[in-house]
Amino acid sequence: MKIDAGLWIDHSNAVIVILDDKGEETKRIESGMEKHVRFSGEAQKESEEDIRDRRFTNHLNKYYDEVIACIHSANSILVFGPGEAKVELKKRLESKKIKNCLIDIETVDKMTDPQIAAKVRQYFQQ
């Protein structure tokens, strides 16, 4: 069975659209992430910043793994969104050595769930 997956992602949430022979399924995953705040200045703050960066990275990796669990059986994956999350997720997918699937990324702005689903349908109908 051919399975295609498309998802809009940023650091706060992901909207996943799975297309297969049975139809279409949409899921939303919230990261639970607060905005990443960077500090500048004093040397003693660097250790606090390093700790915060590690927590941020670990939290993102858990979030990405949750997204990957939803799309791991896809033959083709379209990842799109406004920021760096799409590139980070693609790298994570490649590092996890998900089966031979095609991964494409695009930069887009904020979209509604119906717009996301329509974009995924349109992309895979080509």
C-alpha atoms as a PDB file:
ATOM      1  CA  MET A   1       0.000   0.000   0.000  1.00  0.00           C
ATOM      2  CA  LYS A   2       1.324   3.435  -0.951  1.00  0.00           C
ATOM      3  CA  ILE A   3       1.349   5.948   1.893  1.00  0.00           C
ATOM      4  CA  ASP A   4       2.177   9.626   1.458  1.00  0.00           C
ATOM      5  CA  ALA A   5       2.624  12.041   4.346  1.00  0.00           C
ATOM      6  CA  GLY A   6       2.749  15.803   4.366  1.00  0.00           C
ATOM      7  CA  LEU A   7       3.229  18.000   7.371  1.00  0.00           C
ATOM      8  CA  TRP A   8       3.429  21.635   8.319  1.00  0.00           C
ATOM      9  CA  ILE A   9       5.794  22.046  11.260  1.00  0.00           C
ATOM     10  CA  ASP A  10       7.325  24.682  13.488  1.00  0.00           C
ATOM     11  CA  HIS A  11       8.767  24.427  16.995  1.00  0.00           C
ATOM     12  CA  SER A  12       5.351  24.670  18.667  1.00  0.00           C
ATOM     13  CA  ASN A  13       3.200  22.221  16.690  1.00  0.00           C
ATOM     14  CA  ALA A  14       2.905  19.964  13.675  1.00  0.00           C
ATOM     15  CA  VAL A  15      -0.111  19.241  11.481  1.00  0.00           C
ATOM     16  CA  ILE A  16       0.302  15.872   9.778  1.00  0.00           C
ATOM     17  CA  VAL A  17      -1.753  14.702   6.809  1.00  0.00           C
ATOM     18  CA  ILE A  18      -1.514  11.011   5.879  1.00  0.00           C
ATOM     19  CA  LEU A  19      -2.805   9.925   2.464  1.00  0.00           C
ATOM     20  CA  ASP A  20      -3.308   6.240   1.647  1.00  0.00           C
ATOM     21  CA  ASP A  21      -5.657   3.962  -0.279  1.00  0.00           C
ATOM     22  CA  LYS A  22      -8.317   4.333   2.423  1.00  0.00           C
ATOM     23  CA  GLY A  23      -8.383   8.123   2.375  1.00  0.00           C
ATOM     24  CA  GLU A  24      -6.961  10.984   4.381  1.00  0.00           C
ATOM     25  CA  GLU A  25      -6.153  11.378   8.076  1.00  0.00           C
ATOM     26  CA  THR A  26      -5.083  14.589   9.809  1.00  0.00           C
ATOM     27  CA  LYS A  27      -3.296  14.735  13.179  1.00  0.00           C
ATOM     28  CA  ARG A  28      -1.986  17.610  15.264  1.00  0.00           C
ATOM     29  CA  ILE A  29       0.956  17.258  17.631  1.00  0.00           C
ATOM     30  CA  GLU A  30       1.766  20.017  20.116  1.00  0.00           C
ATOM     31  CA  SER A  31       5.373  20.283  21.241  1.00  0.00           C
ATOM     32  CA  GLY A  32       4.592  21.870  24.594  1.00  0.00           C
ATOM     33  CA  MET A  33       7.610  24.056  23.922  1.00  0.00           C
ATOM     34  CA  GLU A  34       7.954  27.516  25.307  1.00  0.00           C
ATOM     35  CA  LYS A  35       9.713  30.070  23.143  1.00  0.00           C
ATOM     36  CA  HIS A  36      13.466  29.599  23.136  1.00  0.00           C
ATOM     37  CA  VAL A  37      15.074  32.538  24.897  1.00  0.00           C
ATOM     38  CA  ARG A  38      18.742  33.302  24.388  1.00  0.00           C
ATOM     39  CA  PHE A  39      20.701  35.238  26.940  1.00  0.00           C
ATOM     40  CA  SER A  40      23.623  37.500  26.219  1.00  0.00           C
ATOM     41  CA  GLY A  41      26.284  38.953  28.393  1.00  0.00           C
ATOM     42  CA  GLU A  42      28.094  37.640  31.429  1.00  0.00           C
ATOM     43  CA  ALA A  43      30.317  34.568  31.328  1.00  0.00           C
ATOM     44  CA  GLN A  44      28.639  33.033  34.384  1.00  0.00           C
ATOM     45  CA  LYS A  45      25.327  33.007  32.499  1.00  0.00           C
ATOM     46  CA  GLU A  46      26.838  30.784  29.803  1.00  0.00           C
ATOM     47  CA  SER A  47      26.439  27.639  31.879  1.00  0.00           C
ATOM     48  CA  GLU A  48      22.769  28.477  32.489  1.00  0.00           C
ATOM     49  CA  GLU A  49      22.343  29.128  28.774  1.00  0.00           C
ATOM     50  CA  ASP A  50      24.060  25.830  27.910  1.00  0.00           C
ATOM     51  CA  ILE A  51      21.711  23.979  30.245  1.00  0.00           C
ATOM     52  CA  ARG A  52      18.693  25.696  28.699  1.00  0.00           C
ATOM     53  CA  ASP A  53      19.961  24.934  25.175  1.00  0.00           C
ATOM     54  CA  ARG A  54      20.401  21.242  26.053  1.00  0.00           C
ATOM     55  CA  ARG A  55      16.890  21.078  27.518  1.00  0.00           C
ATOM     56  CA  PHE A  56      15.513  22.813  24.433  1.00  0.00           C
ATOM     57  CA  THR A  57      17.317  20.390  22.100  1.00  0.00           C
ATOM     58  CA  ASN A  58      16.248  17.321  24.093  1.00  0.00           C
ATOM     59  CA  HIS A  59      12.643  18.519  24.144  1.00  0.00           C
ATOM     60  CA  LEU A  60      12.721  19.143  20.381  1.00  0.00           C
ATOM     61  CA  ASN A  61      14.169  15.687  19.736  1.00  0.00           C
ATOM     62  CA  LYS A  62      11.319  14.063  21.689  1.00  0.00           C
ATOM     63  CA  TYR A  63       8.822  16.177  19.723  1.00  0.00           C
ATOM     64  CA  TYR A  64      10.436  15.215  16.411  1.00  0.00           C
ATOM     65  CA  ASP A  65      10.439  11.529  17.409  1.00  0.00           C
ATOM     66  CA  GLU A  66       6.710  11.763  18.126  1.00  0.00           C
ATOM     67  CA  VAL A  67       6.159  13.263  14.661  1.00  0.00           C
ATOM     68  CA  ILE A  68       8.365  10.581  13.068  1.00  0.00           C
ATOM     69  CA  ALA A  69       6.319   7.859  14.787  1.00  0.00           C
ATOM     70  CA  CYS A  70       3.263   9.135  12.881  1.00  0.00           C
ATOM     71  CA  ILE A  71       4.951   9.207   9.467  1.00  0.00           C
ATOM     72  CA  HIS A  72       7.479   6.361   9.683  1.00  0.00           C
ATOM     73  CA  SER A  73       5.605   4.099   7.252  1.00  0.00           C
ATOM     74  CA  ALA A  74       5.276   6.729   4.495  1.00  0.00           C
ATOM     75  CA  ASN A  75       6.804   6.157   1.069  1.00  0.00           C
ATOM     76  CA  SER A  76       7.042   9.906   0.390  1.00  0.00           C
ATOM     77  CA  ILE A  77       7.138  12.803   2.852  1.00  0.00           C
ATOM     78  CA  LEU A  78       6.598  16.509   2.245  1.00  0.00           C
ATOM     79  CA  VAL A  79       7.773  18.708   5.127  1.00  0.00           C
ATOM     80  CA  PHE A  80       6.913  22.398   5.029  1.00  0.00           C
ATOM     81  CA  GLY A  81       6.757  25.317   7.410  1.00  0.00           C
ATOM     82  CA  PRO A  82       8.075  28.787   8.178  1.00  0.00           C
ATOM     83  CA  GLY A  83      11.248  28.208  10.193  1.00  0.00           C
ATOM     84  CA  GLU A  84      14.106  25.826  10.899  1.00  0.00           C
ATOM     85  CA  ALA A  85      11.956  22.997  12.283  1.00  0.00           C
ATOM     86  CA  LYS A  86      11.408  21.485   8.822  1.00  0.00           C
ATOM     87  CA  VAL A  87      15.165  21.208   8.188  1.00  0.00           C
ATOM     88  CA  GLU A  88      15.805  19.886  11.697  1.00  0.00           C
ATOM     89  CA  LEU A  89      13.095  17.238  11.228  1.00  0.00           C
ATOM     90  CA  LYS A  90      14.534  16.188   7.851  1.00  0.00           C
ATOM     91  CA  LYS A  91      17.978  15.734   9.442  1.00  0.00           C
ATOM     92  CA  ARG A  92      16.398  13.714  12.258  1.00  0.00           C
ATOM     93  CA  LEU A  93      14.547  11.531   9.724  1.00  0.00           C
ATOM     94  CA  GLU A  94      17.789  10.914   7.854  1.00  0.00           C
ATOM     95  CA  SER A  95      19.697  10.132  11.064  1.00  0.00           C
ATOM     96  CA  LYS A  96      17.002   7.630  12.095  1.00  0.00           C
ATOM     97  CA  LYS A  97      17.453   5.959   8.700  1.00  0.00           C
ATOM     98  CA  ILE A  98      13.740   5.725   8.058  1.00  0.00           C
ATOM     99  CA  LYS A  99      13.160   3.271   5.203  1.00  0.00           C
ATOM    100  CA  ASN A 100      13.901   4.434   1.695  1.00  0.00           C
ATOM    101  CA  CYS A 101      11.434   7.246   1.354  1.00  0.00           C
ATOM    102  CA  LEU A 102      11.553  10.477  -0.576  1.00  0.00           C
ATOM    103  CA  ILE A 103      11.703  13.572   1.607  1.00  0.00           C
ATOM    104  CA  ASP A 104      11.020  17.011   0.167  1.00  0.00           C
ATOM    105  CA  ILE A 105      10.957  20.309   2.067  1.00  0.00           C
ATOM    106  CA  GLU A 106       9.411  23.688   1.268  1.00  0.00           C
ATOM    107  CA  THR A 107       9.277  27.024   3.036  1.00  0.00           C
ATOM    108  CA  VAL A 108       5.769  28.364   3.614  1.00  0.00           C
ATOM    109  CA  ASP A 109       4.145  30.762   6.051  1.00  0.00           C
ATOM    110  CA  LYS A 110       1.424  30.004   8.597  1.00  0.00           C
ATOM    111  CA  MET A 111      -1.461  27.972   7.193  1.00  0.00           C
ATOM    112  CA  THR A 112      -4.811  26.729   8.452  1.00  0.00           C
ATOM    113  CA  ASP A 113      -5.414  22.980   8.808  1.00  0.00           C
ATOM    114  CA  PRO A 114      -7.640  22.869   5.671  1.00  0.00           C
ATOM    115  CA  GLN A 115      -4.966  24.760   3.683  1.00  0.00           C
ATOM    116  CA  ILE A 116      -2.341  22.265   4.873  1.00  0.00           C
ATOM    117  CA  ALA A 117      -4.486  19.280   3.859  1.00  0.00           C
ATOM    118  CA  ALA A 118      -5.186  20.848   0.449  1.00  0.00           C
ATOM    119  CA  LYS A 119      -1.474  21.525  -0.142  1.00  0.00           C
ATOM    120  CA  VAL A 120      -0.576  17.923   0.718  1.00  0.00           C
ATOM    121  CA  ARG A 121      -3.307  16.517  -1.561  1.00  0.00           C
ATOM    122  CA  GLN A 122      -2.227  18.811  -4.406  1.00  0.00           C
ATOM    123  CA  TYR A 123       1.471  17.943  -3.978  1.00  0.00           C
ATOM    124  CA  PHE A 124       0.925  14.185  -4.121  1.00  0.00           C
ATOM    125  CA  GLN A 125      -1.607  14.318  -6.980  1.00  0.00           C
ATOM    126  CA  GLN A 126       1.062  15.717  -9.326  1.00  0.00           C
END
